[in-house]
Amino acid sequence: MRRYGQGFRRLIGVPDNTALIIDDPIVLRGGFGRGGVEWFREGLTDLMNNFVSNIVELRRRGGYKVVVNPTGGFKPESAYLTVVAMLAGGAWRVVYTHETFRDVVELPMLPITLDSKYVNALSRNPTTEELRNAGLDPPEDLRENGVIDIRGGEVIVKEWFKKLIGIIIR
């Protein structure tokens, strides 16, 4: 765990008498930048699964305000992590250490949500027909985007996306 000083506290609005605890970084089994497109997709899915799991756990425990710091990742992962933090609604703040001037900056939390047709259709393992009826056609697009797998005609919603939906519908 790392603790940050008063400047960081003031930036994100944490009262001085509050413990500001930063958990260890998320460690990925594969990593990024090596091994090509499939390696990248697997790493990104692993990142989302770990990240969403952490937010779910902290929200379940209660009493926590989650500050997401995507500094240190490659630009695509940092951007994706920031968007998921906003979608999940589990993040209180998103901060970033700017690579040029090395100061911590706060990224505005945009009020974005998933379209309800995705939440409704993917909150369980639907059939491809149910996805088409929900207006999610072709279902193969969801597979190519890493949201679902399709095996033998069976649709399997990725665990990280189920967790994200679980956060959204609470």
Protein backbone atom coordinates (compact mmCIF):
# COMPACT_ATOMS: atom_id res chain seq x y z
CA MET A 1 0.00 0.00 0.00
CA ARG A 2 1.08 3.54 -0.67
CA ARG A 3 -0.08 6.71 1.00
CA TYR A 4 -0.13 10.08 -0.71
CA GLY A 5 0.56 13.52 0.75
CA GLN A 6 -1.59 16.56 1.38
CA GLY A 7 -1.35 17.97 -2.17
CA PHE A 8 -2.87 14.80 -3.55
CA ARG A 9 -5.55 14.89 -0.84
CA ARG A 10 -6.56 18.44 -1.69
CA LEU A 11 -6.65 17.70 -5.41
CA ILE A 12 -9.22 14.96 -4.99
CA GLY A 13 -11.05 16.41 -1.99
CA VAL A 14 -10.10 13.89 0.69
CA PRO A 15 -10.40 15.42 4.20
CA ASP A 16 -7.10 15.62 6.10
CA ASN A 17 -8.34 13.32 8.87
CA THR A 18 -9.21 10.51 6.44
CA ALA A 19 -6.90 7.60 5.65
CA LEU A 20 -5.99 7.57 1.99
CA ILE A 21 -4.87 4.05 1.17
CA ILE A 22 -3.78 3.03 -2.28
CA ASP A 23 -3.86 -0.72 -2.91
CA ASP A 24 -1.15 -2.44 -4.88
CA PRO A 25 -1.43 -2.14 -8.66
CA ILE A 26 -3.40 -4.69 -10.62
CA VAL A 27 -1.00 -7.34 -11.92
CA LEU A 28 -1.87 -8.98 -15.23
CA ARG A 29 -1.00 -12.52 -16.18
CA GLY A 30 0.04 -11.61 -19.72
CA GLY A 31 0.87 -7.97 -19.94
CA PHE A 32 0.74 -5.63 -22.90
CA GLY A 33 3.04 -4.68 -25.71
CA ARG A 34 4.28 -8.20 -26.42
CA GLY A 35 2.76 -10.95 -28.48
CA GLY A 36 0.41 -9.20 -30.89
CA VAL A 37 -3.31 -8.51 -31.09
CA GLU A 38 -4.63 -11.61 -29.31
CA TRP A 39 -2.16 -11.09 -26.46
CA PHE A 40 -3.36 -7.49 -26.19
CA ARG A 41 -7.05 -8.53 -26.15
CA GLU A 42 -6.42 -11.15 -23.48
CA GLY A 43 -4.46 -8.64 -21.40
CA LEU A 44 -7.22 -6.04 -21.73
CA THR A 45 -9.89 -8.57 -20.74
CA ASP A 46 -7.74 -9.61 -17.76
CA LEU A 47 -7.32 -5.94 -16.80
CA MET A 48 -11.07 -5.31 -16.94
CA ASN A 49 -11.86 -8.49 -15.01
CA ASN A 50 -9.42 -7.58 -12.21
CA PHE A 51 -10.42 -3.92 -12.15
CA VAL A 52 -14.18 -4.51 -12.10
CA SER A 53 -13.70 -7.24 -9.46
CA ASN A 54 -11.82 -4.76 -7.26
CA ILE A 55 -14.55 -2.13 -7.58
CA VAL A 56 -17.24 -4.73 -6.82
CA GLU A 57 -15.33 -5.85 -3.71
CA LEU A 58 -14.77 -2.32 -2.41
CA ARG A 59 -18.41 -1.37 -2.97
CA ARG A 60 -19.52 -4.58 -1.22
CA ARG A 61 -17.41 -3.74 1.83
CA GLY A 62 -18.79 -0.21 1.94
CA GLY A 63 -17.23 2.92 3.35
CA TYR A 64 -14.72 3.30 0.52
CA LYS A 65 -14.36 6.02 -2.08
CA VAL A 66 -12.43 4.59 -5.01
CA VAL A 67 -9.85 6.79 -6.73
CA VAL A 68 -8.66 5.32 -10.02
CA ASN A 69 -5.15 6.17 -11.17
CA PRO A 70 -4.48 4.78 -14.68
CA THR A 71 -0.98 6.32 -14.76
CA GLY A 72 1.70 3.95 -15.93
CA GLY A 73 -0.30 1.99 -18.44
CA PHE A 74 -0.15 2.28 -22.17
CA LYS A 75 -2.48 4.96 -23.53
CA PRO A 76 -5.21 2.59 -24.80
CA GLU A 77 -5.40 0.72 -21.48
CA SER A 78 -5.46 3.97 -19.49
CA ALA A 79 -8.27 5.35 -21.64
CA TYR A 80 -10.26 2.13 -21.42
CA LEU A 81 -9.79 1.87 -17.67
CA THR A 82 -11.01 5.46 -17.27
CA VAL A 83 -14.15 4.82 -19.33
CA VAL A 84 -14.94 1.62 -17.40
CA ALA A 85 -14.44 3.48 -14.11
CA MET A 86 -17.01 6.03 -15.26
CA LEU A 87 -19.43 3.37 -16.53
CA ALA A 88 -19.15 1.33 -13.36
CA GLY A 89 -19.95 4.35 -11.23
CA GLY A 90 -17.71 2.82 -8.59
CA ALA A 91 -14.98 5.40 -8.99
CA TRP A 92 -15.23 8.59 -6.99
CA ARG A 93 -12.37 10.26 -8.84
CA VAL A 94 -10.00 9.49 -11.71
CA VAL A 95 -6.53 11.04 -11.41
CA TYR A 96 -3.52 10.85 -13.67
CA THR A 97 0.12 11.90 -13.41
CA HIS A 98 0.76 13.92 -16.54
CA GLU A 99 3.82 12.68 -18.40
CA THR A 100 5.07 16.15 -19.39
CA PHE A 101 4.69 18.31 -16.30
CA ARG A 102 4.58 15.40 -13.80
CA ASP A 103 1.74 16.84 -11.71
CA VAL A 104 -1.35 14.90 -10.70
CA VAL A 105 -4.42 16.07 -12.60
CA GLU A 106 -8.02 15.06 -12.08
CA LEU A 107 -10.06 13.86 -15.04
CA PRO A 108 -13.71 14.97 -14.95
CA MET A 109 -16.15 12.14 -14.23
CA LEU A 110 -18.49 12.10 -17.21
CA PRO A 111 -22.04 10.85 -16.55
CA ILE A 112 -21.96 8.01 -19.05
CA THR A 113 -23.95 4.78 -18.95
CA LEU A 114 -24.43 1.63 -21.00
CA ASP A 115 -27.45 1.50 -23.28
CA SER A 116 -30.18 -0.40 -21.42
CA LYS A 117 -30.54 -2.91 -24.28
CA TYR A 118 -26.99 -4.14 -23.52
CA VAL A 119 -27.64 -4.29 -19.78
CA ASN A 120 -30.93 -6.15 -20.21
CA ALA A 121 -29.74 -8.59 -22.87
CA LEU A 122 -26.32 -9.36 -21.36
CA SER A 123 -27.19 -9.61 -17.67
CA ARG A 124 -27.41 -13.39 -18.26
CA ASN A 125 -26.14 -15.75 -20.99
CA PRO A 126 -28.68 -15.12 -23.77
CA THR A 127 -29.05 -17.04 -27.02
CA THR A 128 -27.93 -15.47 -30.28
CA GLU A 129 -31.61 -15.18 -31.20
CA GLU A 130 -32.35 -13.23 -27.99
CA LEU A 131 -29.48 -10.89 -28.82
CA ARG A 132 -30.88 -10.31 -32.29
CA ASN A 133 -34.36 -9.69 -30.83
CA ALA A 134 -32.84 -7.14 -28.43
CA GLY A 135 -31.38 -5.24 -31.40
CA LEU A 136 -27.83 -6.49 -30.86
CA ASP A 137 -27.31 -7.84 -34.34
CA PRO A 138 -24.99 -9.31 -35.36
CA PRO A 139 -23.95 -10.94 -32.08
CA GLU A 140 -20.54 -11.62 -33.64
CA ASP A 141 -19.74 -7.90 -33.16
CA LEU A 142 -20.02 -8.39 -29.39
CA ARG A 143 -17.69 -11.38 -29.65
CA GLU A 144 -15.15 -9.44 -31.70
CA ASN A 145 -15.34 -6.61 -29.12
CA GLY A 146 -14.48 -8.99 -26.27
CA VAL A 147 -17.86 -8.79 -24.51
CA ILE A 148 -19.06 -12.34 -25.23
CA ASP A 149 -17.83 -15.70 -26.50
CA ILE A 150 -19.92 -17.81 -28.85
CA ARG A 151 -19.21 -21.54 -28.53
CA GLY A 152 -21.31 -24.03 -30.44
CA GLY A 153 -24.12 -21.50 -30.75
CA GLU A 154 -24.08 -20.81 -27.01
CA VAL A 155 -23.49 -17.22 -25.89
CA ILE A 156 -21.21 -16.75 -22.87
CA VAL A 157 -20.99 -13.23 -21.45
CA LYS A 158 -17.43 -12.40 -20.31
CA GLU A 159 -17.07 -12.36 -16.54
CA TRP A 160 -15.77 -8.78 -16.42
CA PHE A 161 -18.78 -7.54 -18.38
CA LYS A 162 -21.20 -9.43 -16.09
CA LYS A 163 -19.53 -7.73 -13.12
CA LEU A 164 -19.78 -4.34 -14.80
CA ILE A 165 -23.48 -4.91 -15.48
CA GLY A 166 -23.93 -6.08 -11.87
CA ILE A 167 -22.53 -2.76 -10.68
CA ILE A 168 -24.72 -0.76 -13.04
CA ILE A 169 -28.05 -2.46 -12.15
CA ARG A 170 -27.58 -2.16 -8.36
